[in-house]
Amino acid sequence: MTCVDKANVFTSMAFFRKVFEERARAFPQLQTDCAYVDATALNLVMKPWTFDVMVTENMFGDILSDLTAALVGGMGMAPSGDIGDRHALFQPAHGSAPDIAGQGKANPTAMLLSSAMLLDWLGEKHADAKLLEAGAALERAIAQAFSEGRLRPFEFGGRHGTADITRAVLAALKKAA
């Protein structure tokens, strides 16, 4: 777990880091460290596998989440899960994209991957193998739909939008069933 801040510049961030370190001491089983946001951005590009959970404030979180979305192909490919002890919320990491609203250009992949994450979470929470398999099947279908290289969303310079991508994923699900 990494606290991401700019404690060397902002007094408020020094306080943020202090609170993080105090709380971390209460959970010695967790491996924690702290990093400045600029170094974190560099390391997310160079060695993203070194990160697991990042604790930061909203502005840095927004910036770093966009950066990490780019690492997996863009905002249309980035799922999101906000998971608490009892409840969770799953949604695409991107916003509403009002500039393309109603045009059928939105990439539904992040929403589909978020749905797979939801199925996984529910399956684990309720020890339900059918939900776990449904989540895995959806992930496999998404991977299959994109694996042949013919499906290219608008944000990648392609011509495939919401309906095309959805149809390709559904076809892969049917094929696997």
N, C-alpha and C. Protein backbone atom coordinates (compact mmCIF):
# COMPACT_ATOMS: atom_id res chain seq x y z
N MET A 1 0.86 -1.16 0.00
CA MET A 1 0.00 0.00 0.00
C MET A 1 0.91 1.22 0.00
N THR A 2 0.70 2.09 -0.97
CA THR A 2 1.55 3.27 -1.13
C THR A 2 0.76 4.54 -0.91
N CYS A 3 1.25 5.38 -0.03
CA CYS A 3 0.69 6.72 0.15
C CYS A 3 1.32 7.60 -0.91
N VAL A 4 0.50 8.20 -1.76
CA VAL A 4 1.00 9.06 -2.83
C VAL A 4 0.64 10.50 -2.50
N ASP A 5 1.66 11.35 -2.40
CA ASP A 5 1.43 12.73 -2.01
C ASP A 5 2.49 13.64 -2.62
N LYS A 6 2.52 14.85 -2.15
CA LYS A 6 3.57 15.81 -2.51
C LYS A 6 3.97 16.52 -1.21
N ALA A 7 4.30 15.68 -0.21
CA ALA A 7 4.60 16.18 1.14
C ALA A 7 5.83 17.08 1.19
N ASN A 8 6.67 17.01 0.19
CA ASN A 8 7.85 17.88 0.16
C ASN A 8 7.53 19.30 -0.29
N VAL A 9 6.30 19.53 -0.74
CA VAL A 9 5.91 20.85 -1.23
C VAL A 9 4.73 21.43 -0.45
N PHE A 10 3.73 20.60 -0.20
CA PHE A 10 2.50 21.07 0.43
C PHE A 10 2.41 20.63 1.89
N THR A 11 2.19 21.58 2.78
CA THR A 11 2.03 21.27 4.20
C THR A 11 0.84 20.33 4.42
N SER A 12 -0.22 20.53 3.67
CA SER A 12 -1.40 19.67 3.81
C SER A 12 -1.06 18.22 3.46
N MET A 13 -0.18 18.04 2.50
CA MET A 13 0.22 16.69 2.10
C MET A 13 1.14 16.07 3.16
N ALA A 14 1.93 16.88 3.84
CA ALA A 14 2.75 16.36 4.94
C ALA A 14 1.82 15.84 6.05
N PHE A 15 0.74 16.55 6.29
CA PHE A 15 -0.25 16.09 7.27
C PHE A 15 -0.92 14.80 6.80
N PHE A 16 -1.27 14.75 5.51
CA PHE A 16 -1.88 13.57 4.91
C PHE A 16 -0.97 12.35 5.11
N ARG A 17 0.33 12.52 4.84
CA ARG A 17 1.30 11.44 5.00
C ARG A 17 1.40 11.02 6.47
N LYS A 18 1.41 12.00 7.37
CA LYS A 18 1.52 11.71 8.80
C LYS A 18 0.34 10.85 9.24
N VAL A 19 -0.87 11.20 8.80
CA VAL A 19 -2.06 10.42 9.16
C VAL A 19 -1.96 9.01 8.57
N PHE A 20 -1.52 8.91 7.33
CA PHE A 20 -1.34 7.60 6.69
C PHE A 20 -0.38 6.74 7.51
N GLU A 21 0.77 7.30 7.88
CA GLU A 21 1.78 6.54 8.63
C GLU A 21 1.27 6.14 10.01
N GLU A 22 0.51 7.02 10.66
CA GLU A 22 -0.08 6.68 11.96
C GLU A 22 -1.05 5.51 11.83
N ARG A 23 -1.91 5.57 10.83
CA ARG A 23 -2.90 4.50 10.62
C ARG A 23 -2.20 3.20 10.20
N ALA A 24 -1.15 3.31 9.40
CA ALA A 24 -0.42 2.12 8.94
C ALA A 24 0.19 1.36 10.11
N ARG A 25 0.65 2.08 11.11
CA ARG A 25 1.23 1.42 12.30
C ARG A 25 0.20 0.54 13.02
N ALA A 26 -1.07 0.86 12.87
CA ALA A 26 -2.13 0.05 13.49
C ALA A 26 -2.36 -1.26 12.75
N PHE A 27 -1.77 -1.39 11.56
CA PHE A 27 -1.94 -2.59 10.74
C PHE A 27 -0.56 -3.10 10.30
N PRO A 28 0.22 -3.62 11.22
CA PRO A 28 1.60 -4.02 10.90
C PRO A 28 1.69 -5.14 9.86
N GLN A 29 0.62 -5.85 9.62
CA GLN A 29 0.63 -6.91 8.61
C GLN A 29 0.67 -6.35 7.19
N LEU A 30 0.35 -5.08 7.03
CA LEU A 30 0.38 -4.45 5.70
C LEU A 30 1.77 -3.91 5.39
N GLN A 31 2.19 -4.12 4.18
CA GLN A 31 3.45 -3.53 3.72
C GLN A 31 3.11 -2.16 3.14
N THR A 32 3.67 -1.11 3.72
CA THR A 32 3.35 0.25 3.28
C THR A 32 4.61 1.02 2.94
N ASP A 33 4.42 2.02 2.09
CA ASP A 33 5.48 2.97 1.78
C ASP A 33 4.84 4.27 1.33
N CYS A 34 5.67 5.28 1.11
CA CYS A 34 5.19 6.59 0.65
C CYS A 34 5.99 7.00 -0.57
N ALA A 35 5.35 7.73 -1.46
CA ALA A 35 6.02 8.20 -2.67
C ALA A 35 5.41 9.52 -3.10
N TYR A 36 6.23 10.35 -3.71
CA TYR A 36 5.74 11.60 -4.27
C TYR A 36 5.00 11.31 -5.58
N VAL A 37 4.01 12.11 -5.88
CA VAL A 37 3.15 11.86 -7.02
C VAL A 37 3.92 11.87 -8.34
N ASP A 38 4.91 12.74 -8.49
CA ASP A 38 5.67 12.79 -9.74
C ASP A 38 6.50 11.51 -9.93
N ALA A 39 7.13 11.02 -8.86
CA ALA A 39 7.88 9.77 -8.94
C ALA A 39 6.93 8.60 -9.19
N THR A 40 5.75 8.65 -8.59
CA THR A 40 4.76 7.60 -8.80
C THR A 40 4.33 7.54 -10.26
N ALA A 41 4.09 8.69 -10.87
CA ALA A 41 3.71 8.73 -12.29
C ALA A 41 4.79 8.08 -13.15
N LEU A 42 6.04 8.42 -12.89
CA LEU A 42 7.15 7.82 -13.63
C LEU A 42 7.17 6.31 -13.44
N ASN A 43 7.06 5.87 -12.19
CA ASN A 43 7.15 4.43 -11.90
C ASN A 43 5.93 3.66 -12.39
N LEU A 44 4.78 4.30 -12.48
CA LEU A 44 3.61 3.62 -13.06
C LEU A 44 3.84 3.30 -14.53
N VAL A 45 4.57 4.17 -15.22
CA VAL A 45 4.88 3.92 -16.62
C VAL A 45 6.00 2.90 -16.75
N MET A 46 7.04 3.04 -15.93
CA MET A 46 8.23 2.20 -16.05
C MET A 46 8.07 0.80 -15.44
N LYS A 47 7.38 0.73 -14.30
CA LYS A 47 7.24 -0.57 -13.61
C LYS A 47 5.93 -0.61 -12.82
N PRO A 48 4.80 -0.65 -13.53
CA PRO A 48 3.49 -0.62 -12.86
C PRO A 48 3.25 -1.81 -11.94
N TRP A 49 3.90 -2.92 -12.18
CA TRP A 49 3.71 -4.12 -11.36
C TRP A 49 4.18 -3.95 -9.92
N THR A 50 4.88 -2.86 -9.61
CA THR A 50 5.36 -2.64 -8.24
C THR A 50 4.29 -2.02 -7.35
N PHE A 51 3.14 -1.69 -7.92
CA PHE A 51 2.07 -1.06 -7.15
C PHE A 51 0.92 -2.03 -6.95
N ASP A 52 0.24 -1.85 -5.82
CA ASP A 52 -0.98 -2.61 -5.54
C ASP A 52 -2.07 -1.61 -5.20
N VAL A 53 -2.12 -1.13 -3.96
CA VAL A 53 -3.11 -0.14 -3.53
C VAL A 53 -2.40 1.19 -3.35
N MET A 54 -3.00 2.23 -3.92
CA MET A 54 -2.46 3.59 -3.74
C MET A 54 -3.49 4.42 -2.98
N VAL A 55 -3.03 5.09 -1.93
CA VAL A 55 -3.87 5.97 -1.14
C VAL A 55 -3.42 7.39 -1.46
N THR A 56 -4.35 8.20 -1.95
CA THR A 56 -4.00 9.57 -2.32
C THR A 56 -5.23 10.45 -2.22
N GLU A 57 -5.04 11.73 -2.45
CA GLU A 57 -6.19 12.62 -2.42
C GLU A 57 -6.79 12.69 -3.83
N ASN A 58 -7.92 13.36 -3.96
CA ASN A 58 -8.72 13.31 -5.18
C ASN A 58 -7.98 13.78 -6.44
N MET A 59 -7.31 14.93 -6.38
CA MET A 59 -6.68 15.46 -7.59
C MET A 59 -5.60 14.51 -8.10
N PHE A 60 -4.71 14.05 -7.23
CA PHE A 60 -3.66 13.12 -7.66
C PHE A 60 -4.28 11.79 -8.09
N GLY A 61 -5.32 11.36 -7.42
CA GLY A 61 -6.00 10.12 -7.80
C GLY A 61 -6.60 10.21 -9.19
N ASP A 62 -7.21 11.35 -9.52
CA ASP A 62 -7.76 11.55 -10.87
C ASP A 62 -6.67 11.48 -11.93
N ILE A 63 -5.57 12.15 -11.66
CA ILE A 63 -4.46 12.17 -12.62
C ILE A 63 -3.87 10.78 -12.80
N LEU A 64 -3.58 10.11 -11.69
CA LEU A 64 -2.95 8.79 -11.78
C LEU A 64 -3.90 7.73 -12.35
N SER A 65 -5.19 7.86 -12.09
CA SER A 65 -6.12 6.88 -12.65
C SER A 65 -6.22 7.04 -14.17
N ASP A 66 -6.14 8.26 -14.68
CA ASP A 66 -6.11 8.45 -16.13
C ASP A 66 -4.82 7.87 -16.73
N LEU A 67 -3.71 8.07 -16.04
CA LEU A 67 -2.44 7.52 -16.50
C LEU A 67 -2.51 5.99 -16.54
N THR A 68 -2.99 5.39 -15.49
CA THR A 68 -3.06 3.92 -15.46
C THR A 68 -4.06 3.40 -16.48
N ALA A 69 -5.11 4.15 -16.75
CA ALA A 69 -6.06 3.74 -17.80
C ALA A 69 -5.34 3.71 -19.14
N ALA A 70 -4.49 4.68 -19.39
CA ALA A 70 -3.74 4.70 -20.65
C ALA A 70 -2.84 3.47 -20.78
N LEU A 71 -2.34 2.98 -19.67
CA LEU A 71 -1.46 1.81 -19.70
C LEU A 71 -2.20 0.55 -20.15
N VAL A 72 -3.53 0.50 -19.97
CA VAL A 72 -4.31 -0.67 -20.38
C VAL A 72 -5.10 -0.41 -21.66
N GLY A 73 -4.87 0.72 -22.31
CA GLY A 73 -5.52 0.96 -23.59
C GLY A 73 -6.42 2.17 -23.64
N GLY A 74 -6.62 2.87 -22.54
CA GLY A 74 -7.44 4.07 -22.55
C GLY A 74 -8.62 3.96 -21.61
N MET A 75 -9.33 5.07 -21.47
CA MET A 75 -10.44 5.12 -20.53
C MET A 75 -11.56 4.14 -20.87
N GLY A 76 -11.75 3.86 -22.13
CA GLY A 76 -12.80 2.93 -22.53
C GLY A 76 -12.50 1.49 -22.17
N MET A 77 -11.26 1.23 -21.74
CA MET A 77 -10.85 -0.13 -21.39
C MET A 77 -10.65 -0.29 -19.89
N ALA A 78 -10.86 0.76 -19.10
CA ALA A 78 -10.50 0.76 -17.68
C ALA A 78 -11.69 0.54 -16.76
N PRO A 79 -11.79 -0.66 -16.17
CA PRO A 79 -12.86 -0.91 -15.20
C PRO A 79 -12.49 -0.31 -13.84
N SER A 80 -13.46 -0.26 -12.95
CA SER A 80 -13.21 0.30 -11.63
C SER A 80 -14.08 -0.42 -10.61
N GLY A 81 -13.50 -0.64 -9.44
CA GLY A 81 -14.24 -1.21 -8.33
C GLY A 81 -13.87 -0.49 -7.05
N ASP A 82 -14.86 0.03 -6.36
CA ASP A 82 -14.66 0.65 -5.04
C ASP A 82 -15.22 -0.35 -4.04
N ILE A 83 -14.33 -1.02 -3.31
CA ILE A 83 -14.73 -2.16 -2.49
C ILE A 83 -14.53 -1.85 -1.02
N GLY A 84 -15.62 -1.97 -0.27
CA GLY A 84 -15.57 -1.78 1.17
C GLY A 84 -15.71 -3.11 1.89
N ASP A 85 -15.87 -3.06 3.18
CA ASP A 85 -16.01 -4.28 3.97
C ASP A 85 -17.31 -5.03 3.65
N ARG A 86 -18.39 -4.29 3.43
CA ARG A 86 -19.69 -4.93 3.21
C ARG A 86 -20.30 -4.63 1.85
N HIS A 87 -19.92 -3.53 1.25
CA HIS A 87 -20.54 -3.10 0.00
C HIS A 87 -19.47 -2.77 -1.02
N ALA A 88 -19.88 -2.74 -2.28
CA ALA A 88 -18.95 -2.38 -3.35
C ALA A 88 -19.72 -1.69 -4.47
N LEU A 89 -19.01 -0.90 -5.23
CA LEU A 89 -19.56 -0.20 -6.38
C LEU A 89 -18.64 -0.46 -7.55
N PHE A 90 -19.19 -0.90 -8.66
CA PHE A 90 -18.39 -1.20 -9.85
C PHE A 90 -18.91 -0.34 -10.99
N GLN A 91 -17.98 0.28 -11.70
CA GLN A 91 -18.34 1.18 -12.79
C GLN A 91 -17.13 1.40 -13.68
N PRO A 92 -17.34 1.86 -14.91
CA PRO A 92 -16.20 2.22 -15.73
C PRO A 92 -15.43 3.37 -15.06
N ALA A 93 -14.14 3.41 -15.27
CA ALA A 93 -13.33 4.48 -14.68
C ALA A 93 -13.60 5.83 -15.36
N HIS A 94 -14.08 5.80 -16.59
CA HIS A 94 -14.31 7.05 -17.32
C HIS A 94 -15.61 7.73 -16.92
N GLY A 95 -15.77 8.94 -17.37
CA GLY A 95 -16.98 9.69 -17.10
C GLY A 95 -18.05 9.43 -18.15
N SER A 96 -18.93 10.38 -18.32
CA SER A 96 -20.08 10.19 -19.20
C SER A 96 -19.81 10.52 -20.66
N ALA A 97 -18.69 11.12 -21.00
CA ALA A 97 -18.32 11.46 -22.38
C ALA A 97 -19.43 12.21 -23.12
N PRO A 98 -19.84 13.37 -22.61
CA PRO A 98 -20.94 14.10 -23.26
C PRO A 98 -20.64 14.50 -24.71
N ASP A 99 -19.37 14.58 -25.08
CA ASP A 99 -19.02 14.97 -26.45
C ASP A 99 -19.41 13.91 -27.48
N ILE A 100 -19.63 12.66 -27.04
CA ILE A 100 -20.05 11.62 -27.99
C ILE A 100 -21.40 11.00 -27.61
N ALA A 101 -22.10 11.62 -26.69
CA ALA A 101 -23.40 11.09 -26.24
C ALA A 101 -24.36 10.94 -27.42
N GLY A 102 -25.02 9.80 -27.45
CA GLY A 102 -26.03 9.54 -28.47
C GLY A 102 -25.49 9.18 -29.84
N GLN A 103 -24.17 9.07 -29.99
CA GLN A 103 -23.58 8.77 -31.29
C GLN A 103 -23.20 7.29 -31.46
N GLY A 104 -23.34 6.50 -30.39
CA GLY A 104 -22.99 5.09 -30.47
C GLY A 104 -21.50 4.83 -30.55
N LYS A 105 -20.69 5.81 -30.17
CA LYS A 105 -19.23 5.68 -30.26
C LYS A 105 -18.59 5.20 -28.95
N ALA A 106 -19.31 5.25 -27.87
CA ALA A 106 -18.71 4.90 -26.57
C ALA A 106 -18.28 3.44 -26.55
N ASN A 107 -17.11 3.21 -26.02
CA ASN A 107 -16.56 1.87 -25.89
C ASN A 107 -17.14 1.25 -24.61
N PRO A 108 -17.92 0.18 -24.70
CA PRO A 108 -18.53 -0.42 -23.51
C PRO A 108 -17.61 -1.39 -22.76
N THR A 109 -16.37 -1.53 -23.19
CA THR A 109 -15.48 -2.54 -22.60
C THR A 109 -15.26 -2.32 -21.11
N ALA A 110 -15.03 -1.08 -20.69
CA ALA A 110 -14.81 -0.81 -19.26
C ALA A 110 -16.05 -1.18 -18.45
N MET A 111 -17.23 -0.93 -18.99
CA MET A 111 -18.46 -1.29 -18.29
C MET A 111 -18.60 -2.81 -18.20
N LEU A 112 -18.26 -3.50 -19.27
CA LEU A 112 -18.33 -4.96 -19.27
C LEU A 112 -17.31 -5.56 -18.30
N LEU A 113 -16.10 -5.02 -18.29
CA LEU A 113 -15.07 -5.50 -17.36
C LEU A 113 -15.46 -5.19 -15.91
N SER A 114 -16.08 -4.04 -15.69
CA SER A 114 -16.58 -3.71 -14.34
C SER A 114 -17.65 -4.70 -13.91
N SER A 115 -18.49 -5.12 -14.86
CA SER A 115 -19.51 -6.13 -14.56
C SER A 115 -18.87 -7.47 -14.21
N ALA A 116 -17.80 -7.82 -14.90
CA ALA A 116 -17.08 -9.06 -14.58
C ALA A 116 -16.48 -8.97 -13.18
N MET A 117 -15.94 -7.81 -12.83
CA MET A 117 -15.41 -7.62 -11.48
C MET A 117 -16.52 -7.76 -10.44
N LEU A 118 -17.70 -7.22 -10.74
CA LEU A 118 -18.84 -7.35 -9.84
C LEU A 118 -19.20 -8.82 -9.63
N LEU A 119 -19.26 -9.57 -10.71
CA LEU A 119 -19.58 -11.00 -10.59
C LEU A 119 -18.53 -11.73 -9.76
N ASP A 120 -17.26 -11.40 -9.97
CA ASP A 120 -16.18 -12.00 -9.17
C ASP A 120 -16.36 -11.68 -7.70
N TRP A 121 -16.62 -10.40 -7.40
CA TRP A 121 -16.77 -9.97 -6.00
C TRP A 121 -17.96 -10.67 -5.34
N LEU A 122 -19.09 -10.70 -6.05
CA LEU A 122 -20.27 -11.37 -5.51
C LEU A 122 -20.01 -12.87 -5.32
N GLY A 123 -19.33 -13.47 -6.29
CA GLY A 123 -19.02 -14.89 -6.20
C GLY A 123 -18.14 -15.20 -5.00
N GLU A 124 -17.14 -14.36 -4.76
CA GLU A 124 -16.28 -14.56 -3.59
C GLU A 124 -17.03 -14.30 -2.29
N LYS A 125 -17.80 -13.22 -2.27
CA LYS A 125 -18.53 -12.84 -1.06
C LYS A 125 -19.55 -13.90 -0.64
N HIS A 126 -20.19 -14.53 -1.62
CA HIS A 126 -21.25 -15.49 -1.33
C HIS A 126 -20.82 -16.94 -1.62
N ALA A 127 -19.53 -17.13 -1.87
CA ALA A 127 -19.01 -18.47 -2.18
C ALA A 127 -19.87 -19.15 -3.24
N ASP A 128 -20.11 -18.44 -4.33
CA ASP A 128 -20.99 -18.92 -5.39
C ASP A 128 -20.16 -19.18 -6.65
N ALA A 129 -19.91 -20.43 -6.94
CA ALA A 129 -19.08 -20.81 -8.07
C ALA A 129 -19.69 -20.37 -9.41
N LYS A 130 -21.03 -20.34 -9.50
CA LYS A 130 -21.67 -19.92 -10.74
C LYS A 130 -21.38 -18.45 -11.05
N LEU A 131 -21.39 -17.61 -10.03
CA LEU A 131 -21.07 -16.20 -10.24
C LEU A 131 -19.60 -16.03 -10.61
N LEU A 132 -18.73 -16.77 -9.96
CA LEU A 132 -17.30 -16.71 -10.29
C LEU A 132 -17.06 -17.13 -11.73
N GLU A 133 -17.72 -18.19 -12.16
CA GLU A 133 -17.56 -18.66 -13.53
C GLU A 133 -18.16 -17.65 -14.52
N ALA A 134 -19.27 -17.02 -14.16
CA ALA A 134 -19.86 -16.01 -15.05
C ALA A 134 -18.91 -14.84 -15.24
N GLY A 135 -18.26 -14.40 -14.17
CA GLY A 135 -17.28 -13.31 -14.28
C GLY A 135 -16.11 -13.71 -15.15
N ALA A 136 -15.61 -14.93 -14.95
CA ALA A 136 -14.49 -15.42 -15.75
C ALA A 136 -14.89 -15.57 -17.22
N ALA A 137 -16.11 -16.06 -17.46
CA ALA A 137 -16.59 -16.23 -18.84
C ALA A 137 -16.71 -14.88 -19.55
N LEU A 138 -17.18 -13.87 -18.84
CA LEU A 138 -17.29 -12.54 -19.44
C LEU A 138 -15.90 -11.99 -19.77
N GLU A 139 -14.95 -12.15 -18.86
CA GLU A 139 -13.58 -11.70 -19.14
C GLU A 139 -12.99 -12.41 -20.35
N ARG A 140 -13.20 -13.72 -20.43
CA ARG A 140 -12.69 -14.48 -21.57
C ARG A 140 -13.34 -14.03 -22.87
N ALA A 141 -14.64 -13.76 -22.84
CA ALA A 141 -15.35 -13.32 -24.04
C ALA A 141 -14.83 -11.96 -24.51
N ILE A 142 -14.55 -11.07 -23.58
CA ILE A 142 -14.00 -9.75 -23.94
C ILE A 142 -12.63 -9.94 -24.59
N ALA A 143 -11.79 -10.76 -23.95
CA ALA A 143 -10.46 -11.01 -24.50
C ALA A 143 -10.56 -11.63 -25.89
N GLN A 144 -11.46 -12.58 -26.06
CA GLN A 144 -11.65 -13.23 -27.36
C GLN A 144 -12.13 -12.24 -28.41
N ALA A 145 -13.05 -11.38 -28.05
CA ALA A 145 -13.58 -10.41 -29.01
C ALA A 145 -12.49 -9.50 -29.56
N PHE A 146 -11.52 -9.16 -28.73
CA PHE A 146 -10.44 -8.27 -29.16
C PHE A 146 -9.23 -9.02 -29.70
N SER A 147 -9.12 -10.32 -29.44
CA SER A 147 -7.89 -11.05 -29.75
C SER A 147 -7.58 -11.18 -31.24
N GLU A 148 -8.58 -11.16 -32.06
CA GLU A 148 -8.36 -11.34 -33.49
C GLU A 148 -7.87 -10.06 -34.18
N GLY A 149 -7.93 -8.94 -33.48
CA GLY A 149 -7.41 -7.69 -34.02
C GLY A 149 -8.32 -6.96 -34.99
N ARG A 150 -9.50 -7.49 -35.22
CA ARG A 150 -10.43 -6.83 -36.16
C ARG A 150 -11.30 -5.79 -35.47
N LEU A 151 -11.47 -5.90 -34.17
CA LEU A 151 -12.32 -4.99 -33.40
C LEU A 151 -11.46 -3.82 -32.93
N ARG A 152 -11.82 -2.63 -33.40
CA ARG A 152 -11.02 -1.45 -33.06
C ARG A 152 -11.95 -0.28 -32.70
N PRO A 153 -12.02 0.06 -31.39
CA PRO A 153 -12.89 1.16 -30.96
C PRO A 153 -12.48 2.50 -31.56
N PHE A 154 -13.42 3.43 -31.55
CA PHE A 154 -13.18 4.76 -32.09
C PHE A 154 -11.97 5.44 -31.46
N GLU A 155 -11.81 5.27 -30.12
CA GLU A 155 -10.71 5.98 -29.47
C GLU A 155 -9.34 5.45 -29.88
N PHE A 156 -9.31 4.30 -30.57
CA PHE A 156 -8.05 3.77 -31.10
C PHE A 156 -7.94 4.04 -32.60
N GLY A 157 -8.80 4.92 -33.10
CA GLY A 157 -8.77 5.25 -34.51
C GLY A 157 -9.57 4.29 -35.37
N GLY A 158 -10.36 3.44 -34.75
CA GLY A 158 -11.16 2.47 -35.48
C GLY A 158 -12.54 2.98 -35.79
N ARG A 159 -13.41 2.06 -36.18
CA ARG A 159 -14.78 2.43 -36.56
C ARG A 159 -15.82 1.68 -35.75
N HIS A 160 -15.38 0.98 -34.68
CA HIS A 160 -16.31 0.17 -33.90
C HIS A 160 -16.77 0.90 -32.65
N GLY A 161 -18.08 0.94 -32.49
CA GLY A 161 -18.68 1.65 -31.35
C GLY A 161 -19.37 0.70 -30.40
N THR A 162 -20.29 1.25 -29.65
CA THR A 162 -20.97 0.54 -28.58
C THR A 162 -21.62 -0.75 -29.07
N ALA A 163 -22.42 -0.68 -30.10
CA ALA A 163 -23.16 -1.86 -30.59
C ALA A 163 -22.21 -2.91 -31.16
N ASP A 164 -21.22 -2.48 -31.93
CA ASP A 164 -20.28 -3.43 -32.54
C ASP A 164 -19.51 -4.22 -31.47
N ILE A 165 -19.02 -3.52 -30.48
CA ILE A 165 -18.23 -4.17 -29.42
C ILE A 165 -19.13 -5.09 -28.60
N THR A 166 -20.33 -4.64 -28.28
CA THR A 166 -21.26 -5.46 -27.52
C THR A 166 -21.60 -6.73 -28.30
N ARG A 167 -21.89 -6.60 -29.59
CA ARG A 167 -22.20 -7.77 -30.41
C ARG A 167 -21.02 -8.76 -30.44
N ALA A 168 -19.81 -8.25 -30.55
CA ALA A 168 -18.63 -9.12 -30.60
C ALA A 168 -18.45 -9.88 -29.28
N VAL A 169 -18.67 -9.22 -28.17
CA VAL A 169 -18.55 -9.88 -26.86
C VAL A 169 -19.65 -10.92 -26.69
N LEU A 170 -20.87 -10.57 -27.07
CA LEU A 170 -21.99 -11.52 -26.97
C LEU A 170 -21.75 -12.74 -27.86
N ALA A 171 -21.21 -12.51 -29.05
CA ALA A 171 -20.91 -13.64 -29.95
C ALA A 171 -19.84 -14.55 -29.34
N ALA A 172 -18.85 -13.96 -28.71
CA ALA A 172 -17.81 -14.77 -28.06
C ALA A 172 -18.39 -15.54 -26.87
N LEU A 173 -19.32 -14.94 -26.14
CA LEU A 173 -19.98 -15.64 -25.02
C LEU A 173 -20.79 -16.83 -25.55
N LYS A 174 -21.54 -16.61 -26.62
CA LYS A 174 -22.36 -17.70 -27.20
C LYS A 174 -21.48 -18.81 -27.72
N LYS A 175 -20.40 -18.45 -28.36
CA LYS A 175 -19.47 -19.42 -28.93
C LYS A 175 -18.86 -20.30 -27.85
N ALA A 176 -18.59 -19.71 -26.71
CA ALA A 176 -17.97 -20.44 -25.59
C ALA A 176 -18.96 -21.31 -24.83
N ALA A 177 -20.25 -20.99 -24.95
CA ALA A 177 -21.27 -21.70 -24.16
C ALA A 177 -21.57 -23.09 -24.68
